[in-house]
Amino acid sequence: MSKAKTVPLFHWSKLSSPKWLDAWQERLGSLANADLVISTVPGKALARVELYSPNQALLKRIQAEWGGSLRRLAQRNWAALSDQCLPDLVIRGDLAVIDARRAQQIREAKSRHPGRQVLVIPADMAFGTGHHATTATVLRMLCDIARKLAGKSWKMADVGCGSGILAIGAVKLGAATAWACDFDPRAVEVSAENFVRNQVAAQTSVQCVDVLKWRPKRQWEVVAANIFVDVLEASAATLVGAVKPGGYLMVSGILKTHAAPCLKAFERLGVGWLRVVERGKWVSALGQLSGPPAGKPARRSGLAA
């Protein structure tokens, strides 16, 4: 009998002032393929920020940008951990996200969701399963947009795609094609694997792209960007330029404490927010390039959005 495959685990840590903990949570809390741990001691002036990941290159980039220490930990059996599946996630009654890899698991999960489009996203890949508040909210918005665009031909761009879950969801919901990109080469590989796994490879493509240097050569009816707020603000003009006039833009990955200036940056470029959703400490927003009618405020939604 062959041994279960193990991979090395790496650990990055840095001491920080407690006043910056929200910023660390925003920057690192939704990183693909990494687990964030923040430790504080009452009365102490310092806190410890730590990341655990099998992706050494990712942690090296973080160390190069923010300092701190990096070391290799003992090996971990991720294959065994992957046997413990996350619960199915149902989105608007239209989609079901399932954590499965084996054919039997997939068949059983699909049988639980007749009439729904099923997205197969193995959680052990750790690049976004839809269970995080930001991704789940954007999936709900995507379902709503797909209903508005039913019967029309539309295409979608997923910027900062992680596992490719939003691009897969778009095609399952009726998009003619979906283009995806990510800064992390491993995320690009995982997305391509998930496109094949979900039988949407013919309608999807993925590239390794730094959004801060990106110059889109075309426009899409729907653009989604679930990325760090500082990158959102810095690339606002690029993202808006990628949306066709009258098209839809979804942004997410924004902490409530930073939402106002971020959303204003897009408003100045002609985006009218149709819906701003707060879930816990996170904010996601759905807008249209042509904007809502004059004087009509954006509608704020809670957990039911």
Protein backbone atom coordinates (compact mmCIF):
# COMPACT_ATOMS: atom_id res chain seq x y z
CA MET A 1 0.00 0.00 0.00
CA SER A 2 1.44 3.41 -0.96
CA LYS A 3 1.75 6.09 1.64
CA ALA A 4 -0.63 9.09 1.60
CA LYS A 5 1.02 12.06 -0.04
CA THR A 6 2.28 14.72 2.36
CA VAL A 7 3.45 18.24 1.64
CA PRO A 8 5.60 20.59 3.71
CA LEU A 9 3.91 23.37 5.64
CA PHE A 10 5.48 26.81 6.02
CA HIS A 11 5.00 29.38 8.76
CA TRP A 12 5.39 33.18 8.52
CA SER A 13 5.10 35.43 11.57
CA LYS A 14 5.50 39.09 12.46
CA LEU A 15 4.96 41.24 15.55
CA SER A 16 2.62 44.19 15.08
CA SER A 17 0.89 46.95 16.97
CA PRO A 18 -2.70 45.90 17.86
CA LYS A 19 -4.03 49.00 16.11
CA TRP A 20 -3.09 47.46 12.76
CA LEU A 21 -4.89 44.16 13.27
CA ASP A 22 -7.89 45.09 11.11
CA ALA A 23 -5.49 45.94 8.30
CA TRP A 24 -3.72 42.59 8.66
CA GLN A 25 -7.09 40.80 8.68
CA GLU A 26 -8.07 42.60 5.49
CA ARG A 27 -4.79 41.95 3.68
CA LEU A 28 -4.25 38.36 4.76
CA GLY A 29 -7.59 37.05 6.04
CA SER A 30 -8.87 35.81 2.68
CA LEU A 31 -5.57 34.75 1.14
CA ALA A 32 -5.89 31.65 -0.97
CA ASN A 33 -4.10 28.58 0.35
CA ALA A 34 -3.13 30.15 3.68
CA ASP A 35 -4.48 30.15 7.26
CA LEU A 36 -4.23 33.37 9.28
CA VAL A 37 -3.78 33.39 13.07
CA ILE A 38 -3.68 36.63 15.08
CA SER A 39 -2.70 36.42 18.76
CA THR A 40 -3.07 39.23 21.29
CA VAL A 41 -2.36 39.49 25.00
CA PRO A 42 -4.45 41.94 27.07
CA GLY A 43 -2.31 44.85 28.27
CA LYS A 44 0.53 44.10 25.86
CA ALA A 45 1.61 46.59 23.21
CA LEU A 46 2.35 43.93 20.58
CA ALA A 47 0.36 41.26 18.77
CA ARG A 48 1.59 38.34 16.68
CA VAL A 49 0.39 37.84 13.09
CA GLU A 50 0.99 34.36 11.63
CA LEU A 51 0.29 32.56 8.36
CA TYR A 52 0.44 28.81 7.75
CA SER A 53 0.60 27.59 4.16
CA PRO A 54 2.10 24.90 1.91
CA ASN A 55 2.75 27.70 -0.61
CA GLN A 56 6.30 28.76 0.23
CA ALA A 57 6.46 31.23 -2.68
CA LEU A 58 3.39 33.05 -1.35
CA LEU A 59 4.90 33.45 2.12
CA LYS A 60 8.23 34.55 0.64
CA ARG A 61 6.42 37.34 -1.22
CA ILE A 62 4.69 38.39 2.00
CA GLN A 63 8.00 38.34 3.86
CA ALA A 64 9.67 40.42 1.13
CA GLU A 65 6.90 43.02 1.34
CA TRP A 66 6.27 43.17 5.11
CA GLY A 67 9.27 41.53 6.79
CA GLY A 68 8.82 38.97 9.54
CA SER A 69 10.26 35.46 9.81
CA LEU A 70 9.63 32.38 7.67
CA ARG A 71 10.30 28.74 8.52
CA ARG A 72 9.36 25.26 7.39
CA LEU A 73 7.21 23.11 9.69
CA ALA A 74 6.75 19.37 9.90
CA GLN A 75 4.91 17.67 7.05
CA ARG A 76 1.13 17.50 7.08
CA ASN A 77 -1.16 14.94 5.50
CA TRP A 78 -3.56 17.13 3.50
CA ALA A 79 -5.03 14.18 1.65
CA ALA A 80 -6.40 12.81 4.92
CA LEU A 81 -7.79 16.20 5.85
CA SER A 82 -9.59 16.42 2.52
CA ASP A 83 -11.76 13.44 3.46
CA GLN A 84 -13.60 15.75 5.88
CA CYS A 85 -15.88 17.61 3.48
CA LEU A 86 -17.35 21.03 4.04
CA PRO A 87 -21.16 21.21 4.07
CA ASP A 88 -22.89 21.90 0.76
CA LEU A 89 -23.50 25.60 0.10
CA VAL A 90 -26.76 26.52 -1.67
CA ILE A 91 -26.88 29.91 -3.40
CA ARG A 92 -30.27 31.46 -4.21
CA GLY A 93 -31.65 27.99 -4.96
CA ASP A 94 -29.82 28.17 -8.30
CA LEU A 95 -26.34 26.93 -7.39
CA ALA A 96 -24.93 24.33 -5.03
CA VAL A 97 -21.22 24.43 -4.16
CA ILE A 98 -19.93 21.03 -3.08
CA ASP A 99 -16.62 20.02 -1.53
CA ALA A 100 -15.81 16.83 -3.40
CA ARG A 101 -13.07 15.24 -5.44
CA ARG A 102 -13.98 11.58 -5.88
CA ALA A 103 -16.51 10.56 -8.52
CA GLN A 104 -18.76 8.88 -5.96
CA GLN A 105 -18.77 12.00 -3.74
CA ILE A 106 -19.72 14.13 -6.73
CA ARG A 107 -22.54 11.79 -7.79
CA GLU A 108 -23.95 11.72 -4.25
CA ALA A 109 -23.77 15.50 -3.93
CA LYS A 110 -25.47 16.08 -7.28
CA SER A 111 -28.27 13.74 -6.26
CA ARG A 112 -28.90 16.01 -3.24
CA HIS A 113 -29.47 19.04 -5.47
CA PRO A 114 -31.86 18.20 -8.31
CA GLY A 115 -32.63 21.22 -10.46
CA ARG A 116 -29.57 23.17 -9.29
CA GLN A 117 -26.34 23.87 -11.10
CA VAL A 118 -23.59 22.14 -9.10
CA LEU A 119 -20.13 23.65 -8.65
CA VAL A 120 -17.49 21.10 -7.59
CA ILE A 121 -14.76 22.91 -5.63
CA PRO A 122 -12.49 20.68 -3.51
CA ALA A 123 -11.78 22.48 -0.25
CA ASP A 124 -8.33 20.95 0.15
CA MET A 125 -7.17 23.17 -2.69
CA ALA A 126 -7.80 26.12 -0.34
CA PHE A 127 -8.29 28.71 -3.08
CA GLY A 128 -11.86 29.74 -2.30
CA THR A 129 -14.78 27.36 -1.79
CA GLY A 130 -17.57 29.93 -1.61
CA HIS A 131 -18.03 29.54 2.14
CA HIS A 132 -16.27 32.83 2.95
CA ALA A 133 -18.69 35.74 3.34
CA THR A 134 -17.18 37.69 0.45
CA THR A 135 -17.33 34.89 -2.12
CA ALA A 136 -20.79 33.73 -1.05
CA THR A 137 -22.15 37.26 -1.39
CA VAL A 138 -20.70 37.72 -4.88
CA LEU A 139 -22.18 34.37 -5.92
CA ARG A 140 -25.60 35.62 -4.78
CA MET A 141 -25.15 38.82 -6.76
CA LEU A 142 -24.09 36.77 -9.77
CA CYS A 143 -27.31 34.74 -9.54
CA ASP A 144 -29.33 37.96 -9.47
CA ILE A 145 -27.50 39.40 -12.49
CA ALA A 146 -27.92 36.15 -14.43
CA ARG A 147 -31.68 36.36 -13.92
CA LYS A 148 -31.70 39.92 -15.30
CA LEU A 149 -29.64 38.84 -18.30
CA ALA A 150 -31.62 35.66 -19.00
CA GLY A 151 -32.20 35.28 -22.73
CA LYS A 152 -29.35 37.65 -23.60
CA SER A 153 -25.80 36.87 -24.62
CA TRP A 154 -23.33 37.96 -21.93
CA LYS A 155 -19.74 37.34 -20.93
CA MET A 156 -17.96 37.63 -17.60
CA ALA A 157 -14.50 38.45 -16.22
CA ASP A 158 -13.34 37.12 -12.83
CA VAL A 159 -10.44 39.25 -11.56
CA GLY A 160 -8.53 37.61 -8.70
CA CYS A 161 -10.18 34.28 -9.44
CA GLY A 162 -8.63 32.06 -6.72
CA SER A 163 -10.29 28.70 -7.37
CA GLY A 164 -12.17 30.00 -10.42
CA ILE A 165 -15.47 29.57 -8.60
CA LEU A 166 -17.05 32.81 -9.87
CA ALA A 167 -16.14 32.10 -13.49
CA ILE A 168 -17.55 28.58 -13.17
CA GLY A 169 -20.70 29.95 -11.57
CA ALA A 170 -21.14 32.49 -14.37
CA VAL A 171 -21.00 29.82 -17.08
CA LYS A 172 -23.33 27.54 -15.14
CA LEU A 173 -25.76 30.46 -14.86
CA GLY A 174 -25.75 31.21 -18.58
CA ALA A 175 -22.66 33.25 -19.49
CA ALA A 176 -21.43 32.49 -23.00
CA THR A 177 -17.82 32.65 -21.80
CA ALA A 178 -15.87 33.60 -18.69
CA TRP A 179 -12.30 34.89 -18.55
CA ALA A 180 -10.41 34.63 -15.25
CA CYS A 181 -7.09 35.89 -13.93
CA ASP A 182 -5.03 35.83 -10.76
CA PHE A 183 -1.66 37.11 -9.56
CA ASP A 184 -0.76 33.72 -8.01
CA PRO A 185 0.41 31.14 -10.62
CA ARG A 186 -0.86 28.30 -8.43
CA ALA A 187 -4.33 29.86 -8.37
CA VAL A 188 -4.24 29.92 -12.16
CA GLU A 189 -3.38 26.20 -12.20
CA VAL A 190 -6.13 25.37 -9.70
CA SER A 191 -8.70 27.37 -11.68
CA ALA A 192 -7.80 25.54 -14.87
CA GLU A 193 -8.17 22.20 -13.05
CA ASN A 194 -11.54 23.26 -11.67
CA PHE A 195 -12.73 24.36 -15.12
CA VAL A 196 -12.06 20.83 -16.38
CA ARG A 197 -13.58 19.27 -13.24
CA ASN A 198 -16.78 21.28 -13.75
CA GLN A 199 -16.92 20.65 -17.51
CA VAL A 200 -16.72 24.33 -18.44
CA ALA A 201 -13.19 24.35 -19.92
CA ALA A 202 -14.53 25.07 -23.42
CA GLN A 203 -16.23 28.28 -22.22
CA THR A 204 -13.52 29.51 -19.85
CA SER A 205 -9.90 30.66 -19.91
CA VAL A 206 -7.48 31.79 -17.20
CA GLN A 207 -4.28 33.83 -17.17
CA CYS A 208 -1.66 34.95 -14.66
CA VAL A 209 -2.16 38.72 -14.43
CA ASP A 210 -1.08 41.49 -12.06
CA VAL A 211 -4.20 43.66 -11.99
CA LEU A 212 -2.11 46.73 -11.12
CA LYS A 213 -0.34 46.34 -14.48
CA TRP A 214 -3.31 44.99 -16.42
CA ARG A 215 -4.50 46.81 -19.53
CA PRO A 216 -7.68 45.03 -20.70
CA LYS A 217 -8.11 44.90 -24.46
CA ARG A 218 -11.83 44.25 -24.33
CA GLN A 219 -14.91 44.79 -22.16
CA TRP A 220 -17.37 42.43 -20.50
CA GLU A 221 -21.05 42.65 -19.52
CA VAL A 222 -20.14 41.44 -16.01
CA VAL A 223 -16.89 41.95 -14.09
CA ALA A 224 -16.21 40.61 -10.59
CA ALA A 225 -13.20 41.56 -8.44
CA ASN A 226 -12.91 39.87 -5.04
CA ILE A 227 -9.49 41.22 -4.02
CA PHE A 228 -7.77 43.35 -1.36
CA VAL A 229 -9.25 46.81 -0.88
CA ASP A 230 -5.97 48.64 -1.58
CA VAL A 231 -5.70 46.81 -4.90
CA LEU A 232 -9.34 47.58 -5.67
CA GLU A 233 -8.80 51.29 -5.15
CA ALA A 234 -5.53 51.36 -7.09
CA SER A 235 -7.05 49.49 -10.03
CA ALA A 236 -10.51 51.14 -9.98
CA ALA A 237 -10.08 52.88 -13.34
CA THR A 238 -8.87 49.65 -14.95
CA LEU A 239 -11.76 47.62 -13.56
CA VAL A 240 -14.36 50.18 -14.60
CA GLY A 241 -12.78 50.36 -18.05
CA ALA A 242 -13.26 46.60 -18.38
CA VAL A 243 -17.05 46.90 -17.99
CA LYS A 244 -19.23 47.53 -21.02
CA PRO A 245 -21.46 50.62 -20.75
CA GLY A 246 -24.55 49.51 -18.88
CA GLY A 247 -22.72 46.45 -17.61
CA TYR A 248 -22.35 45.24 -14.03
CA LEU A 249 -19.41 45.39 -11.62
CA MET A 250 -19.11 43.41 -8.39
CA VAL A 251 -16.39 44.25 -5.86
CA SER A 252 -15.67 42.44 -2.62
CA GLY A 253 -12.98 41.71 -0.04
CA ILE A 254 -13.55 45.09 1.66
CA LEU A 255 -13.54 45.61 5.41
CA LYS A 256 -16.37 47.87 6.64
CA THR A 257 -13.82 50.30 8.07
CA HIS A 258 -12.45 50.92 4.55
CA ALA A 259 -15.63 50.61 2.50
CA ALA A 260 -16.64 54.27 2.14
CA PRO A 261 -13.50 55.59 0.39
CA CYS A 262 -13.21 52.45 -1.74
CA LEU A 263 -16.77 52.67 -3.05
CA LYS A 264 -16.41 56.43 -3.60
CA ALA A 265 -13.42 55.79 -5.85
CA PHE A 266 -15.66 53.77 -8.17
CA GLU A 267 -18.54 56.25 -7.96
CA ARG A 268 -16.24 58.99 -9.26
CA LEU A 269 -15.63 56.80 -12.32
CA GLY A 270 -19.33 56.46 -13.12
CA VAL A 271 -20.37 53.36 -11.17
CA GLY A 272 -23.78 53.57 -9.52
CA TRP A 273 -24.10 51.12 -6.65
CA LEU A 274 -27.31 49.11 -6.84
CA ARG A 275 -26.64 47.12 -3.68
CA VAL A 276 -24.12 47.29 -0.85
CA VAL A 277 -24.07 44.18 1.35
CA GLU A 278 -22.52 43.93 4.81
CA ARG A 279 -21.83 40.44 6.21
CA GLY A 280 -19.93 40.52 9.47
CA LYS A 281 -16.94 42.79 8.99
CA TRP A 282 -16.99 42.40 5.19
CA VAL A 283 -18.60 44.57 2.51
CA SER A 284 -19.46 43.60 -1.06
CA ALA A 285 -21.10 45.83 -3.66
CA LEU A 286 -22.96 45.41 -6.94
CA GLY A 287 -22.98 48.35 -9.32
CA GLN A 288 -23.86 49.28 -12.87
CA LEU A 289 -21.69 51.47 -15.05
CA SER A 290 -24.60 53.60 -16.18
CA GLY A 291 -25.67 54.03 -12.53
CA PRO A 292 -29.10 53.96 -10.87
CA PRO A 293 -31.65 56.74 -11.47
CA ALA A 294 -30.56 60.11 -10.12
CA GLY A 295 -31.27 60.55 -6.45
CA LYS A 296 -31.91 56.85 -5.83
CA PRO A 297 -29.62 55.68 -3.02
CA ALA A 298 -27.92 52.31 -2.98
CA ARG A 299 -29.87 49.69 -1.07
CA ARG A 300 -28.04 48.20 1.90
CA SER A 301 -28.65 44.55 2.61
CA GLY A 302 -27.80 42.21 5.45
CA LEU A 303 -27.39 38.46 5.67
CA ALA A 304 -30.37 37.72 3.42
CA ALA A 305 -28.77 39.45 0.44
